[in-house]
Amino acid sequence: MEIFRLVFSPIKENTYVLADGSGLCAILDCGCYNSSEFNKLIRFLEKKKLIPQMLLNTHCHLDHIFGNRQIFNKYGLRTFCHTGEENNRMDSITHAMFFGLEMESPPEPQGFLEDGQNVKFGNVSLKALHVPGHSPGSLAFYSERDDVVFTGDALFAGSIGRTDIPGGDHEALLSSIRNKLFTLPPDTVVYPGHGAETTIGDEIKTNPYFAVGQS
């Protein structure tokens, strides 16, 4: 699997394009804030000769779904996410207004994913891991074959997702990371929703939220 990262919106969100090597791809967390950013994504896909087959969301906070309506209008794709994210999706326009931003109404999901469910496009298979805490329906997407995991806003390099927002739960997030992410092989590369990649092993050793004395 080829992995491409594009950074969009004033919130600097990581949008990932996952390609299977045959020209098919999935778009993960489309954060294109406006038509200019969406055109940048289209030009990238055309340059790489990639055809989107699937839209996925780790969660439905506004910065991760800014581009979902544009994806639907252009490619006819609606997202797959966890049912626990429906409130975030439906409230996203109100949340955008709170931050002084605008966005189009995101389409209803194509379907909902459960913990442990596999999703496939082309010859790529990803396992959905339910990692609540940053938001109720947060998912990570893990590829055992490629030793990578896309963690959304659950786990970052040297940090974890915010939990001081509606639906956040600090203890649940720590538990999700320990039980669902830190049990992955240490060499697994972590691709987060913001910032640079890291590895599971590095986060186990150095993430300050899991240092001795932290609960």
C-alpha atoms as a PDB file:
ATOM      1  CA  MET A   1       0.000   0.000   0.000  1.00  0.00           C
ATOM      2  CA  GLU A   2       1.214   3.460  -0.897  1.00  0.00           C
ATOM      3  CA  ILE A   3       0.429   6.188   1.626  1.00  0.00           C
ATOM      4  CA  PHE A   4       0.220   9.859   0.751  1.00  0.00           C
ATOM      5  CA  ARG A   5      -0.448  12.676   3.220  1.00  0.00           C
ATOM      6  CA  LEU A   6      -1.937  16.043   2.330  1.00  0.00           C
ATOM      7  CA  VAL A   7      -2.494  18.734   4.965  1.00  0.00           C
ATOM      8  CA  PHE A   8      -5.644  20.838   4.699  1.00  0.00           C
ATOM      9  CA  SER A   9      -7.747  23.505   6.407  1.00  0.00           C
ATOM     10  CA  PRO A  10      -6.853  26.161   8.978  1.00  0.00           C
ATOM     11  CA  ILE A  11      -6.718  23.328  11.534  1.00  0.00           C
ATOM     12  CA  LYS A  12      -3.877  21.558   9.669  1.00  0.00           C
ATOM     13  CA  GLU A  13      -5.571  18.182   9.396  1.00  0.00           C
ATOM     14  CA  ASN A  14      -3.888  15.190   7.767  1.00  0.00           C
ATOM     15  CA  THR A  15      -5.836  13.762   4.845  1.00  0.00           C
ATOM     16  CA  TYR A  16      -4.490  10.413   3.688  1.00  0.00           C
ATOM     17  CA  VAL A  17      -4.715   8.841   0.259  1.00  0.00           C
ATOM     18  CA  LEU A  18      -4.158   5.082   0.413  1.00  0.00           C
ATOM     19  CA  ALA A  19      -3.336   3.438  -2.906  1.00  0.00           C
ATOM     20  CA  ASP A  20      -3.337  -0.287  -3.633  1.00  0.00           C
ATOM     21  CA  GLY A  21      -0.781  -0.230  -6.456  1.00  0.00           C
ATOM     22  CA  SER A  22      -3.306  -0.853  -9.241  1.00  0.00           C
ATOM     23  CA  GLY A  23      -4.675   2.688  -9.446  1.00  0.00           C
ATOM     24  CA  LEU A  24      -7.439   2.273  -6.874  1.00  0.00           C
ATOM     25  CA  CYS A  25      -7.382   4.284  -3.676  1.00  0.00           C
ATOM     26  CA  ALA A  26      -9.256   5.194  -0.522  1.00  0.00           C
ATOM     27  CA  ILE A  27      -9.422   8.653   1.015  1.00  0.00           C
ATOM     28  CA  LEU A  28      -9.167   8.797   4.789  1.00  0.00           C
ATOM     29  CA  ASP A  29     -10.433  11.865   6.684  1.00  0.00           C
ATOM     30  CA  CYS A  30     -10.979  14.276   3.814  1.00  0.00           C
ATOM     31  CA  GLY A  31     -10.262  17.655   5.403  1.00  0.00           C
ATOM     32  CA  CYS A  32     -10.407  19.875   2.303  1.00  0.00           C
ATOM     33  CA  TYR A  33     -11.840  23.110   3.649  1.00  0.00           C
ATOM     34  CA  ASN A  34     -12.768  24.840   0.395  1.00  0.00           C
ATOM     35  CA  SER A  35     -12.879  24.352  -3.366  1.00  0.00           C
ATOM     36  CA  SER A  36      -9.263  25.451  -3.756  1.00  0.00           C
ATOM     37  CA  GLU A  37      -8.063  22.736  -1.393  1.00  0.00           C
ATOM     38  CA  PHE A  38     -10.360  20.173  -2.978  1.00  0.00           C
ATOM     39  CA  ASN A  39      -8.992  21.035  -6.422  1.00  0.00           C
ATOM     40  CA  LYS A  40      -5.519  20.433  -5.016  1.00  0.00           C
ATOM     41  CA  LEU A  41      -6.650  16.942  -3.981  1.00  0.00           C
ATOM     42  CA  ILE A  42      -8.189  16.295  -7.406  1.00  0.00           C
ATOM     43  CA  ARG A  43      -5.003  17.396  -9.179  1.00  0.00           C
ATOM     44  CA  PHE A  44      -2.964  15.119  -6.916  1.00  0.00           C
ATOM     45  CA  LEU A  45      -5.178  12.129  -7.686  1.00  0.00           C
ATOM     46  CA  GLU A  46      -5.077  12.832 -11.402  1.00  0.00           C
ATOM     47  CA  LYS A  47      -1.291  13.214 -11.374  1.00  0.00           C
ATOM     48  CA  LYS A  48      -0.942   9.871  -9.595  1.00  0.00           C
ATOM     49  CA  LYS A  49      -3.622   8.315 -11.834  1.00  0.00           C
ATOM     50  CA  LEU A  50      -5.630   7.219  -8.810  1.00  0.00           C
ATOM     51  CA  ILE A  51      -9.338   6.397  -8.776  1.00  0.00           C
ATOM     52  CA  PRO A  52     -11.090   6.804  -5.391  1.00  0.00           C
ATOM     53  CA  GLN A  53     -13.075   3.726  -4.388  1.00  0.00           C
ATOM     54  CA  MET A  54     -13.836   4.427  -0.741  1.00  0.00           C
ATOM     55  CA  LEU A  55     -14.115   7.255   1.785  1.00  0.00           C
ATOM     56  CA  LEU A  56     -13.284   6.512   5.423  1.00  0.00           C
ATOM     57  CA  ASN A  57     -13.433   8.559   8.601  1.00  0.00           C
ATOM     58  CA  THR A  58     -11.617   7.918  11.851  1.00  0.00           C
ATOM     59  CA  HIS A  59     -14.206  10.245  13.426  1.00  0.00           C
ATOM     60  CA  CYS A  60     -16.519  13.055  12.381  1.00  0.00           C
ATOM     61  CA  HIS A  61     -15.203  16.184  14.037  1.00  0.00           C
ATOM     62  CA  LEU A  62     -15.563  19.014  11.524  1.00  0.00           C
ATOM     63  CA  ASP A  63     -11.893  19.201  10.472  1.00  0.00           C
ATOM     64  CA  HIS A  64     -11.964  15.547   9.403  1.00  0.00           C
ATOM     65  CA  ILE A  65     -15.144  15.825   7.308  1.00  0.00           C
ATOM     66  CA  PHE A  66     -14.822  19.282   5.731  1.00  0.00           C
ATOM     67  CA  GLY A  67     -14.448  17.649   2.317  1.00  0.00           C
ATOM     68  CA  ASN A  68     -17.027  14.867   2.561  1.00  0.00           C
ATOM     69  CA  ARG A  69     -19.693  16.752   0.614  1.00  0.00           C
ATOM     70  CA  GLN A  70     -17.191  17.602  -2.124  1.00  0.00           C
ATOM     71  CA  ILE A  71     -16.109  13.959  -2.337  1.00  0.00           C
ATOM     72  CA  PHE A  72     -19.746  12.940  -2.741  1.00  0.00           C
ATOM     73  CA  ASN A  73     -20.413  15.569  -5.400  1.00  0.00           C
ATOM     74  CA  LYS A  74     -17.318  14.610  -7.407  1.00  0.00           C
ATOM     75  CA  TYR A  75     -17.041  10.847  -6.931  1.00  0.00           C
ATOM     76  CA  GLY A  76     -20.396   9.759  -5.502  1.00  0.00           C
ATOM     77  CA  LEU A  77     -18.712   8.347  -2.394  1.00  0.00           C
ATOM     78  CA  ARG A  78     -20.114   8.560   1.123  1.00  0.00           C
ATOM     79  CA  THR A  79     -18.091   7.728   4.158  1.00  0.00           C
ATOM     80  CA  PHE A  80     -17.797   4.656   6.337  1.00  0.00           C
ATOM     81  CA  CYS A  81     -17.412   5.478  10.038  1.00  0.00           C
ATOM     82  CA  HIS A  82     -18.644   4.400  13.468  1.00  0.00           C
ATOM     83  CA  THR A  83     -22.267   4.982  14.418  1.00  0.00           C
ATOM     84  CA  GLY A  84     -21.082   6.778  17.554  1.00  0.00           C
ATOM     85  CA  GLU A  85     -20.058   9.704  15.348  1.00  0.00           C
ATOM     86  CA  GLU A  86     -23.532  10.607  14.107  1.00  0.00           C
ATOM     87  CA  ASN A  87     -23.965  13.461  16.588  1.00  0.00           C
ATOM     88  CA  ASN A  88     -20.629  14.958  15.549  1.00  0.00           C
ATOM     89  CA  ARG A  89     -21.529  14.655  11.883  1.00  0.00           C
ATOM     90  CA  MET A  90     -24.960  16.213  12.261  1.00  0.00           C
ATOM     91  CA  ASP A  91     -23.688  19.017  14.521  1.00  0.00           C
ATOM     92  CA  SER A  92     -20.647  19.812  12.381  1.00  0.00           C
ATOM     93  CA  ILE A  93     -22.106  22.942  10.729  1.00  0.00           C
ATOM     94  CA  THR A  94     -22.922  24.404  14.145  1.00  0.00           C
ATOM     95  CA  HIS A  95     -19.430  23.523  15.374  1.00  0.00           C
ATOM     96  CA  ALA A  96     -17.926  25.233  12.326  1.00  0.00           C
ATOM     97  CA  MET A  97     -19.872  28.415  13.038  1.00  0.00           C
ATOM     98  CA  PHE A  98     -18.552  28.357  16.611  1.00  0.00           C
ATOM     99  CA  PHE A  99     -15.006  28.525  15.213  1.00  0.00           C
ATOM    100  CA  GLY A 100     -15.928  31.187  12.662  1.00  0.00           C
ATOM    101  CA  LEU A 101     -15.736  28.683   9.813  1.00  0.00           C
ATOM    102  CA  GLU A 102     -18.179  27.482   7.168  1.00  0.00           C
ATOM    103  CA  MET A 103     -18.845  24.074   5.704  1.00  0.00           C
ATOM    104  CA  GLU A 104     -21.346  22.207   3.574  1.00  0.00           C
ATOM    105  CA  SER A 105     -23.649  19.656   5.149  1.00  0.00           C
ATOM    106  CA  PRO A 106     -21.852  16.283   5.161  1.00  0.00           C
ATOM    107  CA  PRO A 107     -23.795  13.450   3.482  1.00  0.00           C
ATOM    108  CA  GLU A 108     -25.154  10.555   5.471  1.00  0.00           C
ATOM    109  CA  PRO A 109     -22.622   7.715   5.769  1.00  0.00           C
ATOM    110  CA  GLN A 110     -22.563   4.850   3.311  1.00  0.00           C
ATOM    111  CA  GLY A 111     -22.334   2.495   6.254  1.00  0.00           C
ATOM    112  CA  PHE A 112     -21.140   2.019   9.812  1.00  0.00           C
ATOM    113  CA  LEU A 113     -18.124   0.052  11.000  1.00  0.00           C
ATOM    114  CA  GLU A 114     -17.776  -1.953  14.181  1.00  0.00           C
ATOM    115  CA  ASP A 115     -14.717  -2.836  16.222  1.00  0.00           C
ATOM    116  CA  GLY A 116     -12.724  -5.560  14.482  1.00  0.00           C
ATOM    117  CA  GLN A 117     -14.496  -5.192  11.144  1.00  0.00           C
ATOM    118  CA  ASN A 118     -12.372  -5.383   7.996  1.00  0.00           C
ATOM    119  CA  VAL A 119     -12.821  -2.944   5.138  1.00  0.00           C
ATOM    120  CA  LYS A 120     -11.348  -3.576   1.701  1.00  0.00           C
ATOM    121  CA  PHE A 121     -10.657  -1.674  -1.481  1.00  0.00           C
ATOM    122  CA  GLY A 122      -8.697  -3.219  -4.305  1.00  0.00           C
ATOM    123  CA  ASN A 123      -6.133  -5.509  -2.679  1.00  0.00           C
ATOM    124  CA  VAL A 124      -5.899  -3.499   0.556  1.00  0.00           C
ATOM    125  CA  SER A 125      -7.548  -4.640   3.771  1.00  0.00           C
ATOM    126  CA  LEU A 126      -7.836  -2.450   6.871  1.00  0.00           C
ATOM    127  CA  LYS A 127      -9.081  -3.505  10.290  1.00  0.00           C
ATOM    128  CA  ALA A 128     -11.254  -1.003  12.154  1.00  0.00           C
ATOM    129  CA  LEU A 129     -10.351  -0.613  15.828  1.00  0.00           C
ATOM    130  CA  HIS A 130     -12.801   1.224  18.091  1.00  0.00           C
ATOM    131  CA  VAL A 131     -10.749   3.656  20.188  1.00  0.00           C
ATOM    132  CA  PRO A 132     -13.250   5.908  22.011  1.00  0.00           C
ATOM    133  CA  GLY A 133     -12.131   8.749  24.230  1.00  0.00           C
ATOM    134  CA  HIS A 134     -11.393  11.692  21.961  1.00  0.00           C
ATOM    135  CA  SER A 135     -14.879  11.123  20.590  1.00  0.00           C
ATOM    136  CA  PRO A 136     -17.388   8.322  21.218  1.00  0.00           C
ATOM    137  CA  GLY A 137     -17.017   6.624  17.863  1.00  0.00           C
ATOM    138  CA  SER A 138     -13.335   7.153  17.118  1.00  0.00           C
ATOM    139  CA  LEU A 139     -11.796   4.461  14.944  1.00  0.00           C
ATOM    140  CA  ALA A 140      -8.234   3.562  14.075  1.00  0.00           C
ATOM    141  CA  PHE A 141      -7.524   1.686  10.842  1.00  0.00           C
ATOM    142  CA  TYR A 142      -4.811  -0.972  11.017  1.00  0.00           C
ATOM    143  CA  SER A 143      -3.018  -2.795   8.222  1.00  0.00           C
ATOM    144  CA  GLU A 144      -1.133  -5.792   9.572  1.00  0.00           C
ATOM    145  CA  ARG A 145       0.417  -6.481   6.180  1.00  0.00           C
ATOM    146  CA  ASP A 146       1.865  -2.977   5.904  1.00  0.00           C
ATOM    147  CA  ASP A 147       2.612  -2.460   9.624  1.00  0.00           C
ATOM    148  CA  VAL A 148       0.728   0.843   9.765  1.00  0.00           C
ATOM    149  CA  VAL A 149      -2.150   2.253  11.784  1.00  0.00           C
ATOM    150  CA  PHE A 150      -4.127   5.434  11.157  1.00  0.00           C
ATOM    151  CA  THR A 151      -5.128   6.748  14.574  1.00  0.00           C
ATOM    152  CA  GLY A 152      -7.113   9.893  13.806  1.00  0.00           C
ATOM    153  CA  ASP A 153      -7.039  12.107  16.903  1.00  0.00           C
ATOM    154  CA  ALA A 154      -6.622   9.275  19.413  1.00  0.00           C
ATOM    155  CA  LEU A 155      -2.818   9.064  19.431  1.00  0.00           C
ATOM    156  CA  PHE A 156      -0.221  11.578  18.225  1.00  0.00           C
ATOM    157  CA  ALA A 157       3.554  11.716  18.305  1.00  0.00           C
ATOM    158  CA  GLY A 158       4.200  12.508  21.944  1.00  0.00           C
ATOM    159  CA  SER A 159       0.590  13.273  22.787  1.00  0.00           C
ATOM    160  CA  ILE A 160      -3.022  12.103  22.767  1.00  0.00           C
ATOM    161  CA  GLY A 161      -6.303  13.579  21.590  1.00  0.00           C
ATOM    162  CA  ARG A 162      -8.225  16.236  23.470  1.00  0.00           C
ATOM    163  CA  THR A 163     -10.909  15.028  25.840  1.00  0.00           C
ATOM    164  CA  ASP A 164     -12.151  18.415  27.117  1.00  0.00           C
ATOM    165  CA  ILE A 165     -14.811  18.572  24.416  1.00  0.00           C
ATOM    166  CA  PRO A 166     -18.331  17.103  24.194  1.00  0.00           C
ATOM    167  CA  GLY A 167     -18.081  13.314  24.003  1.00  0.00           C
ATOM    168  CA  GLY A 168     -14.524  13.285  25.322  1.00  0.00           C
ATOM    169  CA  ASP A 169     -13.496  10.854  28.056  1.00  0.00           C
ATOM    170  CA  HIS A 170      -9.893  10.940  29.261  1.00  0.00           C
ATOM    171  CA  GLU A 171      -9.861   7.576  31.014  1.00  0.00           C
ATOM    172  CA  ALA A 172     -11.588   5.908  28.072  1.00  0.00           C
ATOM    173  CA  LEU A 173      -8.972   7.306  25.704  1.00  0.00           C
ATOM    174  CA  LEU A 174      -6.076   6.070  27.831  1.00  0.00           C
ATOM    175  CA  SER A 175      -7.725   2.651  27.991  1.00  0.00           C
ATOM    176  CA  SER A 176      -8.299   2.607  24.217  1.00  0.00           C
ATOM    177  CA  ILE A 177      -4.676   3.410  23.516  1.00  0.00           C
ATOM    178  CA  ARG A 178      -3.338   0.855  25.975  1.00  0.00           C
ATOM    179  CA  ASN A 179      -5.662  -1.969  24.931  1.00  0.00           C
ATOM    180  CA  LYS A 180      -6.147  -1.383  21.214  1.00  0.00           C
ATOM    181  CA  LEU A 181      -3.049   0.480  19.992  1.00  0.00           C
ATOM    182  CA  PHE A 182      -0.197  -0.367  22.355  1.00  0.00           C
ATOM    183  CA  THR A 183      -0.926  -4.060  21.778  1.00  0.00           C
ATOM    184  CA  LEU A 184       0.088  -3.674  18.124  1.00  0.00           C
ATOM    185  CA  PRO A 185       3.664  -4.602  17.123  1.00  0.00           C
ATOM    186  CA  PRO A 186       6.177  -1.951  18.272  1.00  0.00           C
ATOM    187  CA  ASP A 187       7.389  -1.299  14.711  1.00  0.00           C
ATOM    188  CA  THR A 188       3.884  -0.332  13.568  1.00  0.00           C
ATOM    189  CA  VAL A 189       4.023   3.151  12.028  1.00  0.00           C
ATOM    190  CA  VAL A 190       1.407   5.527  13.434  1.00  0.00           C
ATOM    191  CA  TYR A 191      -0.175   7.996  11.017  1.00  0.00           C
ATOM    192  CA  PRO A 192      -2.133  10.493  13.139  1.00  0.00           C
ATOM    193  CA  GLY A 193      -4.808  13.027  12.263  1.00  0.00           C
ATOM    194  CA  HIS A 194      -2.430  15.934  12.883  1.00  0.00           C
ATOM    195  CA  GLY A 195       1.332  16.226  12.852  1.00  0.00           C
ATOM    196  CA  ALA A 196       4.098  13.794  11.987  1.00  0.00           C
ATOM    197  CA  GLU A 197       4.094  10.026  12.091  1.00  0.00           C
ATOM    198  CA  THR A 198       5.620   8.003  14.902  1.00  0.00           C
ATOM    199  CA  THR A 199       5.701   4.339  15.922  1.00  0.00           C
ATOM    200  CA  ILE A 200       3.846   2.336  18.526  1.00  0.00           C
ATOM    201  CA  GLY A 201       7.129   1.406  20.160  1.00  0.00           C
ATOM    202  CA  ASP A 202       8.267   5.015  20.475  1.00  0.00           C
ATOM    203  CA  GLU A 203       4.952   6.054  22.019  1.00  0.00           C
ATOM    204  CA  ILE A 204       5.023   3.206  24.533  1.00  0.00           C
ATOM    205  CA  LYS A 205       8.484   4.329  25.614  1.00  0.00           C
ATOM    206  CA  THR A 206       8.231   8.112  25.490  1.00  0.00           C
ATOM    207  CA  ASN A 207       4.630   9.356  25.373  1.00  0.00           C
ATOM    208  CA  PRO A 208       4.293  11.476  28.541  1.00  0.00           C
ATOM    209  CA  TYR A 209       0.679  10.425  29.085  1.00  0.00           C
ATOM    210  CA  PHE A 210       1.869   6.877  29.756  1.00  0.00           C
ATOM    211  CA  ALA A 211       4.957   7.621  31.801  1.00  0.00           C
ATOM    212  CA  VAL A 212       5.414   6.084  35.232  1.00  0.00           C
ATOM    213  CA  GLY A 213       2.942   7.610  37.641  1.00  0.00           C
ATOM    214  CA  GLN A 214       0.380   8.472  34.987  1.00  0.00           C
ATOM    215  CA  SER A 215      -2.997   6.731  35.055  1.00  0.00           C
END
